[in-house]
Protein backbone atom coordinates (compact mmCIF):
# COMPACT_ATOMS: atom_id res chain seq x y z
CA MET A 1 106.55 72.25 84.99
CA ASN A 2 108.08 70.50 87.95
CA TYR A 3 107.64 73.43 90.29
CA VAL A 4 103.92 74.05 89.95
CA ARG A 5 101.30 71.34 90.20
CA SER A 6 98.19 73.50 89.94
CA PHE A 7 97.19 76.82 88.41
CA THR A 8 96.32 77.96 91.94
CA GLU A 9 100.04 77.95 92.73
CA LEU A 10 100.86 80.39 89.92
CA GLU A 11 101.64 83.90 91.15
CA VAL A 12 99.83 85.37 88.15
CA TYR A 13 96.69 83.48 89.17
CA LYS A 14 96.96 84.61 92.79
CA ILE A 15 97.21 88.25 91.69
CA SER A 16 94.36 87.77 89.23
CA ARG A 17 92.15 86.77 92.19
CA LYS A 18 92.98 89.92 94.18
CA LEU A 19 92.08 92.38 91.42
CA PRO A 20 88.36 91.50 91.17
CA LYS A 21 88.04 91.75 94.95
CA ALA A 22 89.43 95.29 94.90
CA ILE A 23 87.22 96.21 91.95
CA PHE A 24 84.16 94.71 93.62
CA GLU A 25 84.69 96.70 96.81
CA THR A 26 85.40 99.94 94.96
CA SER A 27 82.56 99.52 92.47
CA LYS A 28 80.02 99.21 95.29
CA LYS A 29 80.31 103.01 95.46
CA PHE A 30 79.43 103.53 91.78
CA PRO A 31 76.05 105.16 91.12
CA ALA A 32 73.03 102.87 90.91
CA GLU A 33 72.46 103.79 87.26
CA GLU A 34 75.83 102.18 86.44
CA LYS A 35 74.82 98.80 87.91
CA PHE A 36 74.04 97.12 84.59
CA SER A 37 76.69 98.87 82.53
CA LEU A 38 80.03 100.04 83.90
CA THR A 39 79.83 98.15 87.20
CA ASP A 40 78.88 94.90 85.48
CA GLN A 41 81.50 95.28 82.74
CA VAL A 42 84.49 96.02 84.98
CA ARG A 43 83.55 93.25 87.39
CA ARG A 44 83.05 90.73 84.58
CA SER A 45 86.29 91.50 82.75
CA SER A 46 88.38 91.49 85.93
CA ARG A 47 86.94 88.12 87.00
CA SER A 48 87.57 86.63 83.59
CA ILE A 49 91.35 87.07 83.83
CA GLY A 50 91.76 84.33 86.44
CA ALA A 51 89.19 82.11 84.76
CA GLN A 52 91.15 82.25 81.50
CA ILE A 53 94.39 81.40 83.33
CA ALA A 54 92.70 78.40 84.94
CA GLU A 55 91.30 77.25 81.62
CA ALA A 56 94.70 77.68 79.95
CA TRP A 57 96.24 75.47 82.62
CA GLY A 58 93.75 72.76 81.77
CA LYS A 59 94.65 73.00 78.08
CA ARG A 60 98.43 73.04 78.49
CA LYS A 61 98.71 69.68 76.74
CA TYR A 62 98.16 71.73 73.58
CA GLU A 63 100.66 74.59 73.47
CA ARG A 64 98.74 76.66 70.91
CA HIS A 65 95.53 76.37 72.90
CA PHE A 66 97.43 77.30 76.09
CA ILE A 67 98.81 80.40 74.38
CA SER A 68 95.41 81.30 72.96
CA LEU A 69 93.77 81.21 76.38
CA LEU A 70 96.57 83.21 77.98
CA THR A 71 96.12 85.75 75.19
CA ASP A 72 92.43 85.88 76.10
CA ALA A 73 93.40 86.53 79.73
CA ASP A 74 95.67 89.36 78.58
CA SER A 75 92.83 90.79 76.51
CA GLU A 76 90.58 90.75 79.58
CA GLN A 77 93.16 92.66 81.60
CA TYR A 78 93.31 95.28 78.84
CA GLU A 79 89.51 95.51 78.86
CA THR A 80 89.63 95.91 82.64
CA GLN A 81 92.11 98.76 82.21
CA HIS A 82 89.68 100.43 79.83
CA TRP A 83 86.78 100.23 82.29
CA ILE A 84 88.99 101.48 85.14
CA GLU A 85 89.91 104.50 83.01
CA ILE A 86 86.23 105.15 82.23
CA ALA A 87 85.33 104.91 85.94
CA SER A 88 88.14 107.32 86.74
CA GLU A 89 87.01 109.81 84.09
CA CYS A 90 83.52 109.70 85.61
CA ASN A 91 85.08 110.46 89.02
CA TYR A 92 83.95 107.13 90.48
CA LEU A 93 87.52 106.19 91.48
CA SER A 94 90.14 108.00 93.49
CA ASP A 95 93.48 108.52 91.76
CA THR A 96 95.04 106.13 94.27
CA ASP A 97 92.53 103.34 93.52
CA ARG A 98 92.85 103.95 89.79
CA ASN A 99 96.65 103.79 89.87
CA GLN A 100 96.75 100.68 92.06
CA MET A 101 94.30 98.83 89.84
CA LEU A 102 96.07 99.85 86.64
CA ASP A 103 99.42 98.83 88.12
CA THR A 104 97.97 95.42 88.96
CA CYS A 105 96.57 95.02 85.44
CA GLN A 106 99.89 95.96 83.88
CA SER A 107 101.73 93.55 86.18
CA LEU A 108 99.33 90.78 85.16
CA GLY A 109 99.96 91.64 81.52
CA ARG A 110 103.72 91.35 81.94
CA MET A 111 103.37 87.98 83.70
CA LEU A 112 100.96 86.64 81.09
CA ASN A 113 103.22 87.70 78.25
CA SER A 114 106.17 86.04 79.96
CA MET A 115 104.15 82.82 80.23
CA ILE A 116 103.20 83.09 76.56
CA ALA A 117 106.85 83.55 75.58
CA LYS A 118 107.82 80.50 77.67
CA ALA A 119 104.75 78.40 76.90
CA HIS A 120 106.85 75.39 76.01
CA LEU A 121 108.04 75.20 79.64
CA PHE A 122 104.47 75.05 80.94
CA CYS A 123 103.26 72.61 78.31
CA ARG A 124 105.61 69.78 79.18
CA LEU A 125 103.40 67.17 80.79
């Protein structure tokens, strides 16, 4: 693409960096017994979204690989939604935090799917 020179300039990447920060701050309040289960899982999956976007950018010479990695990023955002729902059901999250995080995940999903649909535009080198 002529408009973007680096994955760090992509809006989807910028948003993907904000989500783990919010989850990290909120998950600090989770019970200690969740440290190696729920806390670890939601932090890991949320951080993986941006990492997959960055990796996809590096593989954009190969459109199928680019799409595959963006699909992995989308899968990670769905996993993050799952863990957010679990945390909410355990009353570890306020409704406001839950809704904001889920909205961010869903927004990321829409952006990723748009990139997948227009992969050919990103894969022109």
